[in-house]
């Protein structure tokens, strides 16, 4: 069992309580217009555009993917993953999940058909050239890691961290992987927190994640369905259902809303979220100002809210009942 790891931040103070290691998985089933990490949305199709000119020689062609035959492509473990067909069909890269599917698209995009782009992290100089030239909202800089391999890397930070946070992309596209990782971390005395868009069914929890998690940080992109579709390309009935379920079972650590003037009714969303949190004073509500850093060029026309507007929204959230409100 493996999942595509985009990057690991050894020490973070903004991804949950205490000092933590943050792990970002590749792939997302939402298409948020204001996404600050659009290169985490899809899986690499191995077109090869990024290989030539990589200054550190970290990207190269191989005749076979690594790690060899043990590497599962997304969807091969559906029987135990707990992902529903609707989630699979909505994910931007599920149509490319099989090797032949990747090959078909690669044949249209590149003369390097039949070869795979692989990544040597020890050679990477972090210039982001490969990210800038990618035409597919993907990244070649991923490692397909097993829970055991990831644990060995995370254990290097064990004396200095309280726990681990797994984000994305959307980390819950790999629930079986997360369940095994959570069990391993608990055996080492470390807690696991998930950063999610709310598309995994936490109310039913088919993968059995919740008993192993210390909590979930949930992004609510918009309150109204039509606005959520405008922002992400998909509805929010499941997200709202998961918000209620996580509150009721005491597993919601943090709720977040990104303020993007002109994109959706963020004030209405903040009011509804704050009312929802009124009976749960222990849950943090983080209101985040949109910033253009990393956002795709076609969506950079959105403006950032002013400091005065963020202060006003902070007071609105408090007045509606949210006890722990932060602005960022």
Protein backbone atom coordinates (compact mmCIF):
# COMPACT_ATOMS: atom_id res chain seq x y z
CA UNK A 1 0.00 0.00 0.00
CA UNK A 2 1.46 3.34 -1.07
CA UNK A 3 0.40 6.95 -1.48
CA UNK A 4 2.00 9.78 -3.49
CA UNK A 5 3.85 12.10 -1.11
CA UNK A 6 4.35 15.58 -2.56
CA UNK A 7 6.47 17.00 0.25
CA UNK A 8 7.24 16.83 3.95
CA UNK A 9 7.72 19.90 6.13
CA UNK A 10 9.74 18.70 9.14
CA UNK A 11 8.57 21.38 11.56
CA UNK A 12 5.38 23.44 11.37
CA UNK A 13 3.59 25.57 13.96
CA UNK A 14 0.55 26.34 11.77
CA UNK A 15 -0.77 22.85 10.96
CA UNK A 16 -2.36 21.93 14.25
CA UNK A 17 -1.52 22.03 17.96
CA UNK A 18 2.13 22.21 18.96
CA UNK A 19 5.15 21.65 16.79
CA UNK A 20 4.30 19.16 14.05
CA UNK A 21 5.56 17.51 10.90
CA UNK A 22 3.29 18.24 7.92
CA UNK A 23 2.91 15.74 5.07
CA UNK A 24 1.30 16.71 1.77
CA UNK A 25 -0.20 14.02 -0.46
CA UNK A 26 -0.72 14.47 -4.19
CA UNK A 27 -4.16 14.63 -5.81
CA UNK A 28 -7.41 16.47 -5.13
CA UNK A 29 -11.06 16.03 -6.11
CA UNK A 30 -11.88 19.75 -5.82
CA UNK A 31 -10.88 22.47 -8.29
CA UNK A 32 -10.76 25.53 -6.05
CA UNK A 33 -10.25 28.74 -7.98
CA UNK A 34 -8.09 30.23 -5.23
CA UNK A 35 -5.96 27.10 -4.68
CA UNK A 36 -2.50 28.13 -3.51
CA UNK A 37 -0.96 24.74 -4.38
CA UNK A 38 -2.50 23.88 -7.77
CA UNK A 39 0.44 21.60 -8.59
CA UNK A 40 -0.91 19.14 -5.99
CA UNK A 41 -4.21 18.61 -7.83
CA UNK A 42 -3.34 15.86 -10.30
CA UNK A 43 -0.94 13.00 -10.79
CA UNK A 44 1.97 13.32 -13.19
CA UNK A 45 1.17 11.88 -16.66
CA UNK A 46 4.89 11.47 -17.43
CA UNK A 47 4.86 13.72 -20.49
CA UNK A 48 8.52 14.56 -19.83
CA UNK A 49 8.35 18.33 -20.35
CA UNK A 50 10.12 18.89 -17.05
CA UNK A 51 13.03 16.47 -17.49
CA UNK A 52 15.19 18.36 -19.94
CA UNK A 53 16.71 21.38 -18.24
CA UNK A 54 16.25 20.19 -14.64
CA UNK A 55 19.30 21.99 -13.18
CA UNK A 56 20.02 19.41 -10.51
CA UNK A 57 19.32 16.35 -12.63
CA UNK A 58 16.67 15.32 -10.12
CA UNK A 59 14.19 14.30 -12.85
CA UNK A 60 14.98 11.52 -15.26
CA UNK A 61 13.35 8.92 -17.52
CA UNK A 62 12.99 5.26 -16.61
CA UNK A 63 11.58 2.29 -18.50
CA UNK A 64 9.45 1.33 -15.49
CA UNK A 65 7.77 3.13 -12.59
CA UNK A 66 9.17 2.94 -9.09
CA UNK A 67 8.70 1.38 -6.69
CA UNK A 68 8.35 -1.39 -9.32
CA UNK A 69 5.32 -3.67 -9.26
CA UNK A 70 4.51 -2.89 -5.63
CA UNK A 71 3.35 0.59 -6.56
CA UNK A 72 -0.45 0.74 -6.63
CA UNK A 73 -2.12 3.28 -8.84
CA UNK A 74 -5.01 5.19 -7.26
CA UNK A 75 -8.15 3.09 -7.32
CA UNK A 76 -6.49 -0.34 -7.16
CA UNK A 77 -7.37 -0.58 -3.46
CA UNK A 78 -10.96 0.61 -3.76
CA UNK A 79 -12.20 -2.44 -1.93
CA UNK A 80 -10.66 -1.25 1.34
CA UNK A 81 -10.24 2.45 0.70
CA UNK A 82 -13.80 3.46 1.50
CA UNK A 83 -13.97 5.82 -1.47
CA UNK A 84 -17.32 5.98 -3.20
CA UNK A 85 -17.80 5.99 -6.95
CA UNK A 86 -18.94 9.61 -6.89
CA UNK A 87 -15.71 10.75 -5.24
CA UNK A 88 -13.64 8.78 -7.72
CA UNK A 89 -15.45 10.14 -10.75
CA UNK A 90 -15.09 13.74 -9.53
CA UNK A 91 -11.34 13.58 -8.99
CA UNK A 92 -9.40 15.25 -11.83
CA UNK A 93 -6.91 12.38 -12.19
CA UNK A 94 -8.97 9.24 -11.65
CA UNK A 95 -9.46 8.88 -15.40
CA UNK A 96 -5.69 8.46 -15.69
CA UNK A 97 -5.32 6.00 -12.83
CA UNK A 98 -4.45 2.92 -14.90
CA UNK A 99 -1.12 2.60 -16.63
CA UNK A 100 -2.75 2.40 -20.06
CA UNK A 101 -4.79 5.53 -19.29
CA UNK A 102 -1.65 7.47 -18.47
CA UNK A 103 0.01 6.14 -21.63
CA UNK A 104 -2.89 7.28 -23.83
CA UNK A 105 -2.70 10.85 -22.59
CA UNK A 106 1.08 10.83 -22.66
CA UNK A 107 1.05 9.74 -26.32
CA UNK A 108 -0.99 12.82 -27.15
CA UNK A 109 1.26 15.13 -25.13
CA UNK A 110 4.82 13.89 -25.61
CA UNK A 111 7.15 11.84 -27.80
CA UNK A 112 8.39 9.99 -24.69
CA UNK A 113 5.65 7.32 -24.71
CA UNK A 114 6.50 4.19 -22.76
CA UNK A 115 8.85 5.91 -20.33
CA UNK A 116 8.30 7.21 -16.82
CA UNK A 117 9.46 10.41 -15.16
CA UNK A 118 11.11 9.63 -11.83
CA UNK A 119 12.37 11.90 -9.06
CA UNK A 120 15.60 11.82 -7.03
CA UNK A 121 14.89 14.08 -4.02
CA UNK A 122 18.53 14.16 -2.95
CA UNK A 123 19.40 15.96 -6.22
CA UNK A 124 16.58 18.51 -6.11
CA UNK A 125 17.69 22.12 -5.56
CA UNK A 126 14.14 23.40 -4.99
CA UNK A 127 14.04 25.81 -7.94
CA UNK A 128 10.41 24.90 -8.83
CA UNK A 129 11.16 24.99 -12.56
CA UNK A 130 9.26 21.74 -13.08
CA UNK A 131 6.19 23.17 -11.34
CA UNK A 132 6.23 26.36 -13.40
CA UNK A 133 6.38 24.60 -16.76
CA UNK A 134 3.88 21.81 -16.01
CA UNK A 135 0.73 22.14 -18.14
CA UNK A 136 -1.27 19.59 -16.16
CA UNK A 137 -1.61 21.01 -12.60
CA UNK A 138 0.69 18.22 -11.43
CA UNK A 139 4.13 17.70 -9.97
CA UNK A 140 6.83 15.17 -10.89
CA UNK A 141 8.38 15.64 -7.45
CA UNK A 142 6.46 12.92 -5.65
CA UNK A 143 7.51 9.75 -3.89
CA UNK A 144 5.21 6.72 -3.72
CA UNK A 145 5.72 5.77 -0.08
CA UNK A 146 4.31 3.04 2.12
CA UNK A 147 3.13 3.91 5.65
CA UNK A 148 6.23 2.18 7.02
CA UNK A 149 8.58 4.16 4.78
CA UNK A 150 6.89 7.40 5.72
CA UNK A 151 7.05 6.53 9.41
CA UNK A 152 10.81 5.96 9.17
CA UNK A 153 11.23 9.45 7.75
CA UNK A 154 8.88 11.04 10.27
CA UNK A 155 10.63 9.32 13.16
CA UNK A 156 13.69 11.50 12.56
CA UNK A 157 11.69 14.39 14.05
CA UNK A 158 10.24 12.37 16.95
CA UNK A 159 12.03 14.22 19.80
CA UNK A 160 10.88 17.62 18.56
CA UNK A 161 7.23 17.19 17.52
CA UNK A 162 3.89 16.57 19.19
CA UNK A 163 2.30 14.94 16.18
CA UNK A 164 1.85 14.73 12.42
CA UNK A 165 -0.62 16.50 10.13
CA UNK A 166 -1.43 15.04 6.71
CA UNK A 167 -2.77 17.44 4.10
CA UNK A 168 -2.80 17.66 0.31
CA UNK A 169 -4.14 17.87 -2.27
CA UNK A 170 -6.85 15.96 -0.49
CA UNK A 171 -5.37 13.39 1.84
CA UNK A 172 -8.59 11.41 2.37
CA UNK A 173 -8.40 10.11 -1.20
CA UNK A 174 -6.08 7.53 0.42
CA UNK A 175 -8.03 6.46 3.55
CA UNK A 176 -6.57 2.95 3.85
CA UNK A 177 -3.08 4.44 3.76
CA UNK A 178 -4.05 6.99 6.42
CA UNK A 179 -5.54 4.33 8.67
CA UNK A 180 -2.32 2.30 8.62
CA UNK A 181 -0.17 5.39 9.09
CA UNK A 182 -2.28 6.53 12.06
CA UNK A 183 -1.92 3.15 13.76
CA UNK A 184 1.86 3.21 13.27
CA UNK A 185 2.14 6.77 14.62
CA UNK A 186 0.11 5.90 17.71
CA UNK A 187 2.46 3.01 18.40
CA UNK A 188 5.27 5.60 18.42
CA UNK A 189 3.38 7.97 20.72
CA UNK A 190 2.52 10.47 17.98
CA UNK A 191 -0.94 11.77 17.10
CA UNK A 192 -2.32 12.22 13.58
CA UNK A 193 -4.40 15.19 12.45
CA UNK A 194 -5.99 15.41 8.99
CA UNK A 195 -6.43 18.57 6.90
CA UNK A 196 -9.43 17.84 4.64
CA UNK A 197 -11.91 19.42 2.23
CA UNK A 198 -14.65 17.27 3.74
CA UNK A 199 -15.27 14.94 0.80
CA UNK A 200 -14.60 11.74 2.76
CA UNK A 201 -17.69 10.39 4.54
CA UNK A 202 -16.76 10.93 8.18
CA UNK A 203 -20.32 10.18 9.28
CA UNK A 204 -20.04 6.55 8.13
CA UNK A 205 -16.22 6.41 8.28
CA UNK A 206 -15.93 3.26 6.14
CA UNK A 207 -12.14 3.11 6.52
CA UNK A 208 -12.29 3.32 10.34
CA UNK A 209 -10.17 6.47 10.55
CA UNK A 210 -11.81 8.44 13.35
CA UNK A 211 -10.84 6.23 16.32
CA UNK A 212 -7.20 6.63 15.29
CA UNK A 213 -7.22 10.41 14.72
CA UNK A 214 -6.69 13.22 17.19
CA UNK A 215 -8.85 15.43 14.98
CA UNK A 216 -9.67 16.98 11.62
CA UNK A 217 -9.12 20.46 10.24
CA UNK A 218 -11.97 21.11 7.81
CA UNK A 219 -12.13 23.67 5.00
CA UNK A 220 -15.58 24.99 4.15
CA UNK A 221 -15.24 26.77 0.83
CA UNK A 222 -18.76 28.29 0.75
CA UNK A 223 -22.03 27.74 2.60
CA UNK A 224 -24.50 27.81 -0.29
CA UNK A 225 -24.37 24.88 -2.69
CA UNK A 226 -24.38 27.00 -5.84
CA UNK A 227 -21.53 29.14 -4.50
CA UNK A 228 -19.56 26.06 -3.46
CA UNK A 229 -19.93 24.74 -7.01
CA UNK A 230 -18.70 28.07 -8.34
CA UNK A 231 -15.64 27.99 -6.10
CA UNK A 232 -14.73 24.28 -6.32
CA UNK A 233 -16.64 22.72 -9.22
CA UNK A 234 -18.66 20.45 -6.91
CA UNK A 235 -21.49 20.65 -4.37
CA UNK A 236 -21.14 20.80 -0.59
CA UNK A 237 -23.88 18.54 0.84
CA UNK A 238 -21.29 15.99 1.94
CA UNK A 239 -19.03 18.70 3.35
CA UNK A 240 -21.80 20.14 5.50
CA UNK A 241 -22.81 16.65 6.61
CA UNK A 242 -19.23 15.96 7.64
CA UNK A 243 -19.04 19.25 9.51
CA UNK A 244 -22.02 18.18 11.62
CA UNK A 245 -20.69 14.65 12.10
CA UNK A 246 -17.24 15.80 13.21
CA UNK A 247 -18.73 18.29 15.67
CA UNK A 248 -21.01 15.66 17.17
CA UNK A 249 -18.22 13.12 17.66
CA UNK A 250 -15.77 15.68 19.03
CA UNK A 251 -13.21 15.25 16.26
CA UNK A 252 -13.32 18.73 14.67
CA UNK A 253 -10.19 20.59 15.73
CA UNK A 254 -10.51 23.54 13.37
CA UNK A 255 -12.92 24.97 10.79
CA UNK A 256 -11.61 27.34 8.11
CA UNK A 257 -12.99 29.79 5.56
CA UNK A 258 -10.92 31.66 2.97
CA UNK A 259 -12.17 35.20 2.28
CA UNK A 260 -12.13 35.97 -1.46
CA UNK A 261 -13.94 39.26 -2.26
CA UNK A 262 -16.17 38.96 -5.31
CA UNK A 263 -16.09 35.16 -5.51
CA UNK A 264 -18.81 34.20 -3.01
CA UNK A 265 -20.83 35.48 -0.05
CA UNK A 266 -18.10 35.02 2.53
CA UNK A 267 -19.87 37.06 5.20
CA UNK A 268 -22.93 34.84 5.00
CA UNK A 269 -20.70 31.77 5.16
CA UNK A 270 -18.87 33.08 8.22
CA UNK A 271 -22.13 33.84 10.00
CA UNK A 272 -23.48 30.33 9.37
CA UNK A 273 -20.22 28.69 10.43
CA UNK A 274 -20.03 30.72 13.63
CA UNK A 275 -23.62 29.80 14.51
CA UNK A 276 -22.78 26.15 13.93
CA UNK A 277 -19.82 26.43 16.30
CA UNK A 278 -21.74 28.19 19.09
CA UNK A 279 -22.31 24.96 21.12
CA UNK A 280 -18.69 23.90 20.58
CA UNK A 281 -16.44 26.57 22.18
CA UNK A 282 -13.40 24.29 22.00
CA UNK A 283 -13.35 24.33 18.17
CA UNK A 284 -11.18 26.96 16.48
CA UNK A 285 -12.54 28.99 13.59
CA UNK A 286 -9.84 30.35 11.32
CA UNK A 287 -10.76 33.09 8.83
CA UNK A 288 -8.06 33.36 6.17
CA UNK A 289 -7.46 36.27 3.82
CA UNK A 290 -7.02 35.33 0.16
CA UNK A 291 -3.52 35.93 -1.17
CA UNK A 292 -2.36 35.56 -4.74
CA UNK A 293 0.77 33.54 -3.93
CA UNK A 294 0.80 30.33 -5.98
CA UNK A 295 -2.65 30.87 -7.48
CA UNK A 296 -3.11 30.00 -11.16
CA UNK A 297 -2.76 32.98 -13.49
CA UNK A 298 -6.39 32.94 -14.63
CA UNK A 299 -7.58 33.43 -11.03
CA UNK A 300 -5.16 36.10 -9.84
CA UNK A 301 -7.59 38.94 -10.55
CA UNK A 302 -9.28 38.36 -7.19
CA UNK A 303 -8.34 40.98 -4.61
CA UNK A 304 -7.23 40.34 -1.05
CA UNK A 305 -9.52 41.65 1.71
CA UNK A 306 -8.35 44.68 3.66
CA UNK A 307 -7.21 44.47 7.27
CA UNK A 308 -10.32 46.45 8.22
CA UNK A 309 -12.54 43.91 6.50
CA UNK A 310 -10.83 41.01 8.26
CA UNK A 311 -11.27 42.75 11.60
CA UNK A 312 -14.96 43.26 10.85
CA UNK A 313 -15.37 39.57 9.98
CA UNK A 314 -13.63 38.57 13.20
CA UNK A 315 -16.17 40.55 15.21
CA UNK A 316 -19.06 39.10 13.19
CA UNK A 317 -17.90 35.55 13.90
CA UNK A 318 -17.63 36.29 17.61
CA UNK A 319 -21.03 37.96 17.71
CA UNK A 320 -22.62 34.90 16.07
CA UNK A 321 -21.24 32.58 18.74
CA UNK A 322 -17.80 31.29 17.71
CA UNK A 323 -15.62 31.33 20.83
CA UNK A 324 -12.14 30.78 19.37
CA UNK A 325 -11.73 32.88 16.24
CA UNK A 326 -8.45 33.66 14.49
CA UNK A 327 -7.73 35.70 11.38
CA UNK A 328 -4.77 35.09 9.15
